[in-house]
Amino acid sequence: MQQISLNAREQANGIAQIMSAMTEINGGIQQTATHIRQTKEGTQQLNETAQKLNRLV
């Protein structure tokens, strides 16, 4: 019984570590998505500016 209890605690600790790592990964994914969105917006603005400059030339 003690061995089963120990194994269950170890599994619970392992699951907690996995959940923590998944939370960190999720945070990183969200930051990456935000940066991609910002890059896309910046690229669109640069493209619009380039088109305006091209029309002026």
PDB file of N, CA and C in Angstrom:
ATOM      1  N   MET A   1       0.820  -1.192   0.000  1.00  0.00           N
ATOM      2  CA  MET A   1       0.000   0.000   0.000  1.00  0.00           C
ATOM      3  C   MET A   1       0.866   1.260   0.000  1.00  0.00           C
ATOM      4  N   GLN A   2       1.942   1.237   0.776  1.00  0.00           N
ATOM      5  CA  GLN A   2       2.812   2.416   0.841  1.00  0.00           C
ATOM      6  C   GLN A   2       3.425   2.713  -0.527  1.00  0.00           C
ATOM      7  N   GLN A   3       3.805   1.661  -1.241  1.00  0.00           N
ATOM      8  CA  GLN A   3       4.410   1.853  -2.561  1.00  0.00           C
ATOM      9  C   GLN A   3       3.388   2.456  -3.535  1.00  0.00           C
ATOM     10  N   ILE A   4       2.165   1.991  -3.472  1.00  0.00           N
ATOM     11  CA  ILE A   4       1.102   2.527  -4.333  1.00  0.00           C
ATOM     12  C   ILE A   4       0.867   4.003  -4.001  1.00  0.00           C
ATOM     13  N   SER A   5       0.840   4.322  -2.724  1.00  0.00           N
ATOM     14  CA  SER A   5       0.645   5.706  -2.298  1.00  0.00           C
ATOM     15  C   SER A   5       1.787   6.594  -2.788  1.00  0.00           C
ATOM     16  N   LEU A   6       3.025   6.093  -2.663  1.00  0.00           N
ATOM     17  CA  LEU A   6       4.194   6.836  -3.124  1.00  0.00           C
ATOM     18  C   LEU A   6       4.127   7.053  -4.632  1.00  0.00           C
ATOM     19  N   ASN A   7       3.767   6.001  -5.367  1.00  0.00           N
ATOM     20  CA  ASN A   7       3.656   6.117  -6.822  1.00  0.00           C
ATOM     21  C   ASN A   7       2.589   7.133  -7.211  1.00  0.00           C
ATOM     22  N   ALA A   8       1.474   7.122  -6.511  1.00  0.00           N
ATOM     23  CA  ALA A   8       0.393   8.067  -6.802  1.00  0.00           C
ATOM     24  C   ALA A   8       0.850   9.506  -6.550  1.00  0.00           C
ATOM     25  N   ARG A   9       1.581   9.729  -5.472  1.00  0.00           N
ATOM     26  CA  ARG A   9       2.097  11.070  -5.181  1.00  0.00           C
ATOM     27  C   ARG A   9       3.089  11.516  -6.250  1.00  0.00           C
ATOM     28  N   GLU A  10       3.949  10.597  -6.673  1.00  0.00           N
ATOM     29  CA  GLU A  10       4.927  10.926  -7.705  1.00  0.00           C
ATOM     30  C   GLU A  10       4.222  11.267  -9.022  1.00  0.00           C
ATOM     31  N   GLN A  11       3.188  10.515  -9.345  1.00  0.00           N
ATOM     32  CA  GLN A  11       2.432  10.807 -10.562  1.00  0.00           C
ATOM     33  C   GLN A  11       1.741  12.160 -10.448  1.00  0.00           C
ATOM     34  N   ALA A  12       1.184  12.458  -9.294  1.00  0.00           N
ATOM     35  CA  ALA A  12       0.526  13.747  -9.084  1.00  0.00           C
ATOM     36  C   ALA A  12       1.531  14.889  -9.236  1.00  0.00           C
ATOM     37  N   ASN A  13       2.727  14.708  -8.693  1.00  0.00           N
ATOM     38  CA  ASN A  13       3.776  15.725  -8.832  1.00  0.00           C
ATOM     39  C   ASN A  13       4.183  15.884 -10.294  1.00  0.00           C
ATOM     40  N   GLY A  14       4.296  14.766 -10.992  1.00  0.00           N
ATOM     41  CA  GLY A  14       4.648  14.809 -12.413  1.00  0.00           C
ATOM     42  C   GLY A  14       3.581  15.531 -13.221  1.00  0.00           C
ATOM     43  N   ILE A  15       2.325  15.262 -12.927  1.00  0.00           N
ATOM     44  CA  ILE A  15       1.224  15.927 -13.623  1.00  0.00           C
ATOM     45  C   ILE A  15       1.242  17.429 -13.337  1.00  0.00           C
ATOM     46  N   ALA A  16       1.511  17.792 -12.105  1.00  0.00           N
ATOM     47  CA  ALA A  16       1.584  19.212 -11.742  1.00  0.00           C
ATOM     48  C   ALA A  16       2.704  19.910 -12.515  1.00  0.00           C
ATOM     49  N   GLN A  17       3.839  19.251 -12.668  1.00  0.00           N
ATOM     50  CA  GLN A  17       4.955  19.822 -13.423  1.00  0.00           C
ATOM     51  C   GLN A  17       4.584  19.974 -14.896  1.00  0.00           C
ATOM     52  N   ILE A  18       3.900  18.983 -15.441  1.00  0.00           N
ATOM     53  CA  ILE A  18       3.465  19.042 -16.839  1.00  0.00           C
ATOM     54  C   ILE A  18       2.495  20.195 -17.040  1.00  0.00           C
ATOM     55  N   MET A  19       1.557  20.341 -16.114  1.00  0.00           N
ATOM     56  CA  MET A  19       0.579  21.427 -16.214  1.00  0.00           C
ATOM     57  C   MET A  19       1.270  22.797 -16.141  1.00  0.00           C
ATOM     58  N   SER A  20       2.243  22.914 -15.277  1.00  0.00           N
ATOM     59  CA  SER A  20       2.991  24.166 -15.158  1.00  0.00           C
ATOM     60  C   SER A  20       3.735  24.465 -16.459  1.00  0.00           C
ATOM     61  N   ALA A  21       4.377  23.455 -17.021  1.00  0.00           N
ATOM     62  CA  ALA A  21       5.091  23.641 -18.284  1.00  0.00           C
ATOM     63  C   ALA A  21       4.135  24.013 -19.407  1.00  0.00           C
ATOM     64  N   MET A  22       2.973  23.392 -19.434  1.00  0.00           N
ATOM     65  CA  MET A  22       1.983  23.707 -20.465  1.00  0.00           C
ATOM     66  C   MET A  22       1.483  25.139 -20.328  1.00  0.00           C
ATOM     67  N   THR A  23       1.343  25.614 -19.112  1.00  0.00           N
ATOM     68  CA  THR A  23       0.923  26.993 -18.875  1.00  0.00           C
ATOM     69  C   THR A  23       1.979  27.962 -19.400  1.00  0.00           C
ATOM     70  N   GLU A  24       3.240  27.655 -19.147  1.00  0.00           N
ATOM     71  CA  GLU A  24       4.331  28.492 -19.643  1.00  0.00           C
ATOM     72  C   GLU A  24       4.372  28.485 -21.163  1.00  0.00           C
ATOM     73  N   ILE A  25       4.198  27.315 -21.756  1.00  0.00           N
ATOM     74  CA  ILE A  25       4.192  27.210 -23.218  1.00  0.00           C
ATOM     75  C   ILE A  25       3.042  28.027 -23.792  1.00  0.00           C
ATOM     76  N   ASN A  26       1.880  27.927 -23.179  1.00  0.00           N
ATOM     77  CA  ASN A  26       0.727  28.688 -23.638  1.00  0.00           C
ATOM     78  C   ASN A  26       1.009  30.186 -23.592  1.00  0.00           C
ATOM     79  N   GLY A  27       1.644  30.644 -22.523  1.00  0.00           N
ATOM     80  CA  GLY A  27       2.009  32.058 -22.421  1.00  0.00           C
ATOM     81  C   GLY A  27       2.948  32.471 -23.543  1.00  0.00           C
ATOM     82  N   GLY A  28       3.907  31.608 -23.844  1.00  0.00           N
ATOM     83  CA  GLY A  28       4.838  31.887 -24.936  1.00  0.00           C
ATOM     84  C   GLY A  28       4.133  31.936 -26.281  1.00  0.00           C
ATOM     85  N   ILE A  29       3.187  31.040 -26.481  1.00  0.00           N
ATOM     86  CA  ILE A  29       2.422  31.015 -27.728  1.00  0.00           C
ATOM     87  C   ILE A  29       1.615  32.300 -27.872  1.00  0.00           C
ATOM     88  N   GLN A  30       1.003  32.740 -26.789  1.00  0.00           N
ATOM     89  CA  GLN A  30       0.212  33.968 -26.836  1.00  0.00           C
ATOM     90  C   GLN A  30       1.089  35.178 -27.156  1.00  0.00           C
ATOM     91  N   GLN A  31       2.278  35.224 -26.564  1.00  0.00           N
ATOM     92  CA  GLN A  31       3.202  36.321 -26.854  1.00  0.00           C
ATOM     93  C   GLN A  31       3.633  36.294 -28.310  1.00  0.00           C
ATOM     94  N   THR A  32       3.909  35.108 -28.822  1.00  0.00           N
ATOM     95  CA  THR A  32       4.308  34.966 -30.218  1.00  0.00           C
ATOM     96  C   THR A  32       3.190  35.427 -31.140  1.00  0.00           C
ATOM     97  N   ALA A  33       1.954  35.040 -30.829  1.00  0.00           N
ATOM     98  CA  ALA A  33       0.810  35.463 -31.642  1.00  0.00           C
ATOM     99  C   ALA A  33       0.669  36.981 -31.629  1.00  0.00           C
ATOM    100  N   THR A  34       0.878  37.587 -30.472  1.00  0.00           N
ATOM    101  CA  THR A  34       0.803  39.047 -30.374  1.00  0.00           C
ATOM    102  C   THR A  34       1.884  39.693 -31.229  1.00  0.00           C
ATOM    103  N   HIS A  35       3.095  39.162 -31.172  1.00  0.00           N
ATOM    104  CA  HIS A  35       4.195  39.727 -31.957  1.00  0.00           C
ATOM    105  C   HIS A  35       3.944  39.544 -33.455  1.00  0.00           C
ATOM    106  N   ILE A  36       3.380  38.428 -33.828  1.00  0.00           N
ATOM    107  CA  ILE A  36       3.061  38.200 -35.241  1.00  0.00           C
ATOM    108  C   ILE A  36       2.022  39.210 -35.712  1.00  0.00           C
ATOM    109  N   ARG A  37       0.998  39.430 -34.893  1.00  0.00           N
ATOM    110  CA  ARG A  37      -0.035  40.409 -35.229  1.00  0.00           C
ATOM    111  C   ARG A  37       0.572  41.811 -35.386  1.00  0.00           C
ATOM    112  N   GLN A  38       1.449  42.172 -34.454  1.00  0.00           N
ATOM    113  CA  GLN A  38       2.083  43.490 -34.508  1.00  0.00           C
ATOM    114  C   GLN A  38       2.965  43.615 -35.751  1.00  0.00           C
ATOM    115  N   THR A  39       3.677  42.562 -36.081  1.00  0.00           N
ATOM    116  CA  THR A  39       4.521  42.567 -37.275  1.00  0.00           C
ATOM    117  C   THR A  39       3.673  42.706 -38.525  1.00  0.00           C
ATOM    118  N   LYS A  40       2.563  41.994 -38.559  1.00  0.00           N
ATOM    119  CA  LYS A  40       1.652  42.080 -39.703  1.00  0.00           C
ATOM    120  C   LYS A  40       1.126  43.504 -39.860  1.00  0.00           C
ATOM    121  N   GLU A  41       0.706  44.115 -38.757  1.00  0.00           N
ATOM    122  CA  GLU A  41       0.195  45.483 -38.810  1.00  0.00           C
ATOM    123  C   GLU A  41       1.283  46.454 -39.279  1.00  0.00           C
ATOM    124  N   GLY A  42       2.483  46.286 -38.758  1.00  0.00           N
ATOM    125  CA  GLY A  42       3.595  47.148 -39.168  1.00  0.00           C
ATOM    126  C   GLY A  42       3.914  46.975 -40.643  1.00  0.00           C
ATOM    127  N   THR A  43       3.883  45.754 -41.122  1.00  0.00           N
ATOM    128  CA  THR A  43       4.145  45.479 -42.529  1.00  0.00           C
ATOM    129  C   THR A  43       3.077  46.106 -43.409  1.00  0.00           C
ATOM    130  N   GLN A  44       1.827  46.019 -42.980  1.00  0.00           N
ATOM    131  CA  GLN A  44       0.739  46.630 -43.745  1.00  0.00           C
ATOM    132  C   GLN A  44       0.908  48.149 -43.811  1.00  0.00           C
ATOM    133  N   GLN A  45       1.295  48.745 -42.697  1.00  0.00           N
ATOM    134  CA  GLN A  45       1.500  50.198 -42.679  1.00  0.00           C
ATOM    135  C   GLN A  45       2.650  50.600 -43.597  1.00  0.00           C
ATOM    136  N   LEU A  46       3.734  49.827 -43.550  1.00  0.00           N
ATOM    137  CA  LEU A  46       4.858  50.117 -44.437  1.00  0.00           C
ATOM    138  C   LEU A  46       4.457  49.972 -45.900  1.00  0.00           C
ATOM    139  N   ASN A  47       3.659  48.959 -46.200  1.00  0.00           N
ATOM    140  CA  ASN A  47       3.199  48.743 -47.558  1.00  0.00           C
ATOM    141  C   ASN A  47       2.334  49.906 -48.033  1.00  0.00           C
ATOM    142  N   GLU A  48       1.434  50.370 -47.172  1.00  0.00           N
ATOM    143  CA  GLU A  48       0.584  51.512 -47.517  1.00  0.00           C
ATOM    144  C   GLU A  48       1.425  52.761 -47.756  1.00  0.00           C
ATOM    145  N   THR A  49       2.412  52.977 -46.908  1.00  0.00           N
ATOM    146  CA  THR A  49       3.289  54.137 -47.064  1.00  0.00           C
ATOM    147  C   THR A  49       4.078  54.041 -48.359  1.00  0.00           C
ATOM    148  N   ALA A  50       4.576  52.856 -48.664  1.00  0.00           N
ATOM    149  CA  ALA A  50       5.326  52.656 -49.913  1.00  0.00           C
ATOM    150  C   ALA A  50       4.434  52.916 -51.122  1.00  0.00           C
ATOM    151  N   GLN A  51       3.191  52.484 -51.070  1.00  0.00           N
ATOM    152  CA  GLN A  51       2.267  52.724 -52.178  1.00  0.00           C
ATOM    153  C   GLN A  51       1.996  54.213 -52.353  1.00  0.00           C
ATOM    154  N   LYS A  52       1.827  54.948 -51.232  1.00  0.00           N
ATOM    155  CA  LYS A  52       1.606  56.391 -51.307  1.00  0.00           C
ATOM    156  C   LYS A  52       2.821  57.089 -51.909  1.00  0.00           C
ATOM    157  N   LEU A  53       4.002  56.682 -51.472  1.00  0.00           N
ATOM    158  CA  LEU A  53       5.231  57.273 -52.010  1.00  0.00           C
ATOM    159  C   LEU A  53       5.370  56.962 -53.497  1.00  0.00           C
ATOM    160  N   ASN A  54       5.001  55.770 -53.869  1.00  0.00           N
ATOM    161  CA  ASN A  54       5.089  55.360 -55.266  1.00  0.00           C
ATOM    162  C   ASN A  54       4.156  56.196 -56.135  1.00  0.00           C
ATOM    163  N   ARG A  55       2.979  56.517 -55.617  1.00  0.00           N
ATOM    164  CA  ARG A  55       2.031  57.342 -56.370  1.00  0.00           C
ATOM    165  C   ARG A  55       2.548  58.783 -56.523  1.00  0.00           C
ATOM    166  N   LEU A  56       3.291  59.243 -55.514  1.00  0.00           N
ATOM    167  CA  LEU A  56       3.827  60.610 -55.565  1.00  0.00           C
ATOM    168  C   LEU A  56       4.973  60.752 -56.561  1.00  0.00           C
ATOM    169  N   VAL A  57       5.643  59.663 -56.805  1.00  0.00           N
ATOM    170  CA  VAL A  57       6.837  59.711 -57.672  1.00  0.00           C
ATOM    171  C   VAL A  57       6.462  59.656 -59.094  1.00  0.00           C
TER     172      VAL A  57
END
